[in-house]
Amino acid sequence: MTVQDYEMRFADILSAEIKAIPQKISTLFDVAGFPHYETVISNFYAFYLTPDAGHGLGDLFLMALTDIISKKTGGSRMFGDLNVCTVEREVFTTNGKFIDIVIKEPSEASNESENAIIIENKIYAGLYNDLDEYYNYIQVKRIKIGVVLSLRKETMLPATYV
């Protein structure tokens, strides 16, 4: 499905009036007892970024993410077939750190990955992670990009991150 197909399918939702959110509301995370935990949010991200995870939205979220990355970097879309991409959570590095989410496009010719997106998820915590370590740990044949998902604009990002 193309972005235009999704826009037509969800036209009612996209054109609906957005109401202001009250200052403090109870969310599913509050009810579950895990409000704003980074790992819980990352689990949701990973679920929706996985095209065949059972949510019925296919590659919509992964397509949106890659479109945003290509617009921010001025490059073309980095994945050929979004439906073959794999999404990994809590990828353990050689220095004992954990990368929140890694999305890889496998190579048809070898066991290596062609391309990858390395995601560091921040909700309310400051950005103290060694993003260069994360970036250097993931090996690909072609293109990799780091992404920081944050509620605020992060200004001290390495050039390899958006």
C-alpha atoms as a PDB file:
ATOM      1  CA  MET A   1       0.000   0.000   0.000  1.00  0.00           C
ATOM      2  CA  THR A   2       1.209   3.494  -0.768  1.00  0.00           C
ATOM      3  CA  VAL A   3       1.014   6.525   1.507  1.00  0.00           C
ATOM      4  CA  GLN A   4      -1.830   7.827  -0.675  1.00  0.00           C
ATOM      5  CA  ASP A   5      -3.761   4.544  -0.201  1.00  0.00           C
ATOM      6  CA  TYR A   6      -3.410   4.902   3.566  1.00  0.00           C
ATOM      7  CA  GLU A   7      -4.466   8.556   3.395  1.00  0.00           C
ATOM      8  CA  MET A   8      -7.632   7.565   1.522  1.00  0.00           C
ATOM      9  CA  ARG A   9      -8.313   4.642   3.882  1.00  0.00           C
ATOM     10  CA  PHE A  10      -7.985   6.827   6.964  1.00  0.00           C
ATOM     11  CA  ALA A  11      -9.345  10.098   5.492  1.00  0.00           C
ATOM     12  CA  ASP A  12     -12.023  10.419   8.203  1.00  0.00           C
ATOM     13  CA  ILE A  13      -9.480  10.121  10.983  1.00  0.00           C
ATOM     14  CA  LEU A  14      -7.011  12.468   9.292  1.00  0.00           C
ATOM     15  CA  SER A  15      -9.644  15.175   8.795  1.00  0.00           C
ATOM     16  CA  ALA A  16     -11.296  14.837  12.219  1.00  0.00           C
ATOM     17  CA  GLU A  17     -11.178  17.779  14.592  1.00  0.00           C
ATOM     18  CA  ILE A  18      -8.469  17.379  17.203  1.00  0.00           C
ATOM     19  CA  LYS A  19      -9.655  18.385  20.636  1.00  0.00           C
ATOM     20  CA  ALA A  20      -7.375  19.893  23.237  1.00  0.00           C
ATOM     21  CA  ILE A  21      -6.039  17.395  25.747  1.00  0.00           C
ATOM     22  CA  PRO A  22      -6.640  18.318  29.380  1.00  0.00           C
ATOM     23  CA  GLN A  23      -3.558  19.131  31.400  1.00  0.00           C
ATOM     24  CA  LYS A  24      -3.437  15.737  33.185  1.00  0.00           C
ATOM     25  CA  ILE A  25      -5.264  12.639  32.057  1.00  0.00           C
ATOM     26  CA  SER A  26      -4.852   9.014  33.032  1.00  0.00           C
ATOM     27  CA  THR A  27      -3.281   7.003  30.271  1.00  0.00           C
ATOM     28  CA  LEU A  28      -3.071   3.279  29.673  1.00  0.00           C
ATOM     29  CA  PHE A  29       0.438   3.441  31.136  1.00  0.00           C
ATOM     30  CA  ASP A  30      -0.800   5.093  34.332  1.00  0.00           C
ATOM     31  CA  VAL A  31      -3.473   2.420  34.730  1.00  0.00           C
ATOM     32  CA  ALA A  32      -0.959  -0.376  34.058  1.00  0.00           C
ATOM     33  CA  GLY A  33       1.467   1.038  36.635  1.00  0.00           C
ATOM     34  CA  PHE A  34       4.229   1.752  34.126  1.00  0.00           C
ATOM     35  CA  PRO A  35       3.768   5.444  33.365  1.00  0.00           C
ATOM     36  CA  HIS A  36       6.352   6.767  30.966  1.00  0.00           C
ATOM     37  CA  TYR A  37       8.815   3.903  31.321  1.00  0.00           C
ATOM     38  CA  GLU A  38      11.100   4.002  28.322  1.00  0.00           C
ATOM     39  CA  THR A  39      11.060   0.226  27.819  1.00  0.00           C
ATOM     40  CA  VAL A  40       7.260   0.109  27.767  1.00  0.00           C
ATOM     41  CA  ILE A  41       7.086   2.867  25.160  1.00  0.00           C
ATOM     42  CA  SER A  42       9.826   1.160  23.125  1.00  0.00           C
ATOM     43  CA  ASN A  43       7.780  -2.055  23.128  1.00  0.00           C
ATOM     44  CA  PHE A  44       4.874  -0.136  21.590  1.00  0.00           C
ATOM     45  CA  TYR A  45       7.156   1.475  19.012  1.00  0.00           C
ATOM     46  CA  ALA A  46       8.665  -1.889  18.076  1.00  0.00           C
ATOM     47  CA  PHE A  47       5.206  -3.463  17.743  1.00  0.00           C
ATOM     48  CA  TYR A  48       3.927  -0.812  15.346  1.00  0.00           C
ATOM     49  CA  LEU A  49       7.207  -0.593  13.396  1.00  0.00           C
ATOM     50  CA  THR A  50       7.049  -4.350  12.664  1.00  0.00           C
ATOM     51  CA  PRO A  51       4.961  -4.729   9.479  1.00  0.00           C
ATOM     52  CA  ASP A  52       3.652  -8.227  10.261  1.00  0.00           C
ATOM     53  CA  ALA A  53       3.135  -7.801  14.028  1.00  0.00           C
ATOM     54  CA  GLY A  54      -0.634  -8.332  13.822  1.00  0.00           C
ATOM     55  CA  HIS A  55      -1.825  -4.743  14.192  1.00  0.00           C
ATOM     56  CA  GLY A  56      -3.246  -4.783  10.665  1.00  0.00           C
ATOM     57  CA  LEU A  57      -1.474  -1.608   9.553  1.00  0.00           C
ATOM     58  CA  GLY A  58       1.292  -3.332   7.595  1.00  0.00           C
ATOM     59  CA  ASP A  59       4.284  -1.120   6.959  1.00  0.00           C
ATOM     60  CA  LEU A  60       2.474   2.191   7.615  1.00  0.00           C
ATOM     61  CA  PHE A  61       4.559   3.239  10.651  1.00  0.00           C
ATOM     62  CA  LEU A  62       7.847   2.050   9.171  1.00  0.00           C
ATOM     63  CA  MET A  63       7.044   3.871   5.922  1.00  0.00           C
ATOM     64  CA  ALA A  64       6.241   7.045   7.853  1.00  0.00           C
ATOM     65  CA  LEU A  65       9.503   6.792   9.816  1.00  0.00           C
ATOM     66  CA  THR A  66      11.613   6.244   6.692  1.00  0.00           C
ATOM     67  CA  ASP A  67       9.829   9.119   4.923  1.00  0.00           C
ATOM     68  CA  ILE A  68      10.600  11.451   7.838  1.00  0.00           C
ATOM     69  CA  ILE A  69      14.245  10.341   7.864  1.00  0.00           C
ATOM     70  CA  SER A  70      14.598  10.885   4.116  1.00  0.00           C
ATOM     71  CA  LYS A  71      13.081  14.370   4.405  1.00  0.00           C
ATOM     72  CA  LYS A  72      15.333  15.318   7.339  1.00  0.00           C
ATOM     73  CA  THR A  73      18.475  14.002   5.655  1.00  0.00           C
ATOM     74  CA  GLY A  74      17.652  14.998   2.097  1.00  0.00           C
ATOM     75  CA  GLY A  75      18.233  11.442   0.972  1.00  0.00           C
ATOM     76  CA  SER A  76      16.122   8.795  -0.681  1.00  0.00           C
ATOM     77  CA  ARG A  77      14.221   6.115   1.221  1.00  0.00           C
ATOM     78  CA  MET A  78      16.839   3.798   2.674  1.00  0.00           C
ATOM     79  CA  PHE A  79      14.916   0.493   2.680  1.00  0.00           C
ATOM     80  CA  GLY A  80      13.919  -1.314  -0.492  1.00  0.00           C
ATOM     81  CA  ASP A  81      11.257  -3.695   0.860  1.00  0.00           C
ATOM     82  CA  LEU A  82       9.869  -2.593   4.217  1.00  0.00           C
ATOM     83  CA  ASN A  83       8.056  -5.899   4.716  1.00  0.00           C
ATOM     84  CA  VAL A  84      11.300  -7.879   5.086  1.00  0.00           C
ATOM     85  CA  CYS A  85      12.773  -5.575   7.740  1.00  0.00           C
ATOM     86  CA  THR A  86      13.346  -6.927  11.229  1.00  0.00           C
ATOM     87  CA  VAL A  87      12.867  -4.993  14.451  1.00  0.00           C
ATOM     88  CA  GLU A  88      14.985  -5.847  17.500  1.00  0.00           C
ATOM     89  CA  ARG A  89      14.593  -4.523  21.049  1.00  0.00           C
ATOM     90  CA  GLU A  90      17.296  -3.988  23.669  1.00  0.00           C
ATOM     91  CA  VAL A  91      20.242  -4.878  21.429  1.00  0.00           C
ATOM     92  CA  PHE A  92      23.210  -5.605  23.698  1.00  0.00           C
ATOM     93  CA  THR A  93      26.489  -3.929  22.675  1.00  0.00           C
ATOM     94  CA  THR A  94      30.007  -5.206  23.369  1.00  0.00           C
ATOM     95  CA  ASN A  95      30.400  -2.518  26.072  1.00  0.00           C
ATOM     96  CA  GLY A  96      27.331  -3.748  27.961  1.00  0.00           C
ATOM     97  CA  LYS A  97      24.925  -1.044  26.794  1.00  0.00           C
ATOM     98  CA  PHE A  98      21.465  -1.570  25.310  1.00  0.00           C
ATOM     99  CA  ILE A  99      20.224   0.006  22.084  1.00  0.00           C
ATOM    100  CA  ASP A 100      16.479   0.572  22.432  1.00  0.00           C
ATOM    101  CA  ILE A 101      15.403  -0.429  18.907  1.00  0.00           C
ATOM    102  CA  VAL A 102      17.276  -1.524  15.772  1.00  0.00           C
ATOM    103  CA  ILE A 103      15.484  -1.916  12.454  1.00  0.00           C
ATOM    104  CA  LYS A 104      17.435  -3.849   9.816  1.00  0.00           C
ATOM    105  CA  GLU A 105      16.902  -4.661   6.179  1.00  0.00           C
ATOM    106  CA  PRO A 106      18.507  -8.036   5.441  1.00  0.00           C
ATOM    107  CA  SER A 107      20.793  -8.558   2.471  1.00  0.00           C
ATOM    108  CA  GLU A 108      19.653 -10.940  -0.235  1.00  0.00           C
ATOM    109  CA  ALA A 109      23.239 -11.978  -0.924  1.00  0.00           C
ATOM    110  CA  SER A 110      24.639 -12.564   2.580  1.00  0.00           C
ATOM    111  CA  ASN A 111      23.890 -12.751   6.298  1.00  0.00           C
ATOM    112  CA  GLU A 112      24.814  -9.090   6.689  1.00  0.00           C
ATOM    113  CA  SER A 113      22.240  -6.329   6.861  1.00  0.00           C
ATOM    114  CA  GLU A 114      21.975  -3.895   3.967  1.00  0.00           C
ATOM    115  CA  ASN A 115      20.652  -0.925   5.948  1.00  0.00           C
ATOM    116  CA  ALA A 116      19.684  -0.093   9.529  1.00  0.00           C
ATOM    117  CA  ILE A 117      17.954   2.475  11.706  1.00  0.00           C
ATOM    118  CA  ILE A 118      19.247   2.758  15.271  1.00  0.00           C
ATOM    119  CA  ILE A 119      16.663   4.261  17.637  1.00  0.00           C
ATOM    120  CA  GLU A 120      17.275   5.750  21.066  1.00  0.00           C
ATOM    121  CA  ASN A 121      13.980   6.417  22.813  1.00  0.00           C
ATOM    122  CA  LYS A 122      13.771   9.231  25.362  1.00  0.00           C
ATOM    123  CA  ILE A 123      10.573  10.239  27.133  1.00  0.00           C
ATOM    124  CA  TYR A 124      11.452  12.424  30.110  1.00  0.00           C
ATOM    125  CA  ALA A 125      15.070  11.404  30.741  1.00  0.00           C
ATOM    126  CA  GLY A 126      17.989  13.400  29.472  1.00  0.00           C
ATOM    127  CA  LEU A 127      20.064  12.156  26.568  1.00  0.00           C
ATOM    128  CA  TYR A 128      23.182  10.735  28.238  1.00  0.00           C
ATOM    129  CA  ASN A 129      23.683   7.641  26.071  1.00  0.00           C
ATOM    130  CA  ASP A 130      26.833   6.998  24.028  1.00  0.00           C
ATOM    131  CA  LEU A 131      25.167   7.332  20.635  1.00  0.00           C
ATOM    132  CA  ASP A 132      28.480   6.903  18.820  1.00  0.00           C
ATOM    133  CA  GLU A 133      28.939   3.501  20.477  1.00  0.00           C
ATOM    134  CA  TYR A 134      25.465   2.456  19.349  1.00  0.00           C
ATOM    135  CA  TYR A 135      26.114   3.668  15.813  1.00  0.00           C
ATOM    136  CA  ASN A 136      29.496   1.943  15.548  1.00  0.00           C
ATOM    137  CA  TYR A 137      28.188  -1.328  16.992  1.00  0.00           C
ATOM    138  CA  ILE A 138      25.620  -1.879  14.224  1.00  0.00           C
ATOM    139  CA  GLN A 139      27.304  -3.109  11.053  1.00  0.00           C
ATOM    140  CA  VAL A 140      25.655  -2.773   7.638  1.00  0.00           C
ATOM    141  CA  LYS A 141      26.745  -2.948   4.012  1.00  0.00           C
ATOM    142  CA  ARG A 142      25.176   0.328   2.878  1.00  0.00           C
ATOM    143  CA  ILE A 143      23.323   2.913   4.976  1.00  0.00           C
ATOM    144  CA  LYS A 144      22.639   3.339   8.671  1.00  0.00           C
ATOM    145  CA  ILE A 145      21.134   6.276  10.503  1.00  0.00           C
ATOM    146  CA  GLY A 146      20.542   6.994  14.157  1.00  0.00           C
ATOM    147  CA  VAL A 147      17.263   8.435  15.408  1.00  0.00           C
ATOM    148  CA  VAL A 148      16.462   9.941  18.804  1.00  0.00           C
ATOM    149  CA  LEU A 149      12.764   9.918  19.687  1.00  0.00           C
ATOM    150  CA  SER A 150      12.228  12.578  22.321  1.00  0.00           C
ATOM    151  CA  LEU A 151       9.532  14.889  23.618  1.00  0.00           C
ATOM    152  CA  ARG A 152      11.925  17.807  23.299  1.00  0.00           C
ATOM    153  CA  LYS A 153      14.294  19.006  20.623  1.00  0.00           C
ATOM    154  CA  GLU A 154      17.678  17.406  21.225  1.00  0.00           C
ATOM    155  CA  THR A 155      20.420  19.796  20.164  1.00  0.00           C
ATOM    156  CA  MET A 156      23.604  17.836  20.941  1.00  0.00           C
ATOM    157  CA  LEU A 157      23.221  14.938  18.483  1.00  0.00           C
ATOM    158  CA  PRO A 158      26.123  13.422  16.547  1.00  0.00           C
ATOM    159  CA  ALA A 159      25.963  14.066  12.791  1.00  0.00           C
ATOM    160  CA  THR A 160      24.932  10.432  12.268  1.00  0.00           C
ATOM    161  CA  TYR A 161      21.660  10.985  14.182  1.00  0.00           C
ATOM    162  CA  VAL A 162      18.434  12.850  13.400  1.00  0.00           C
END
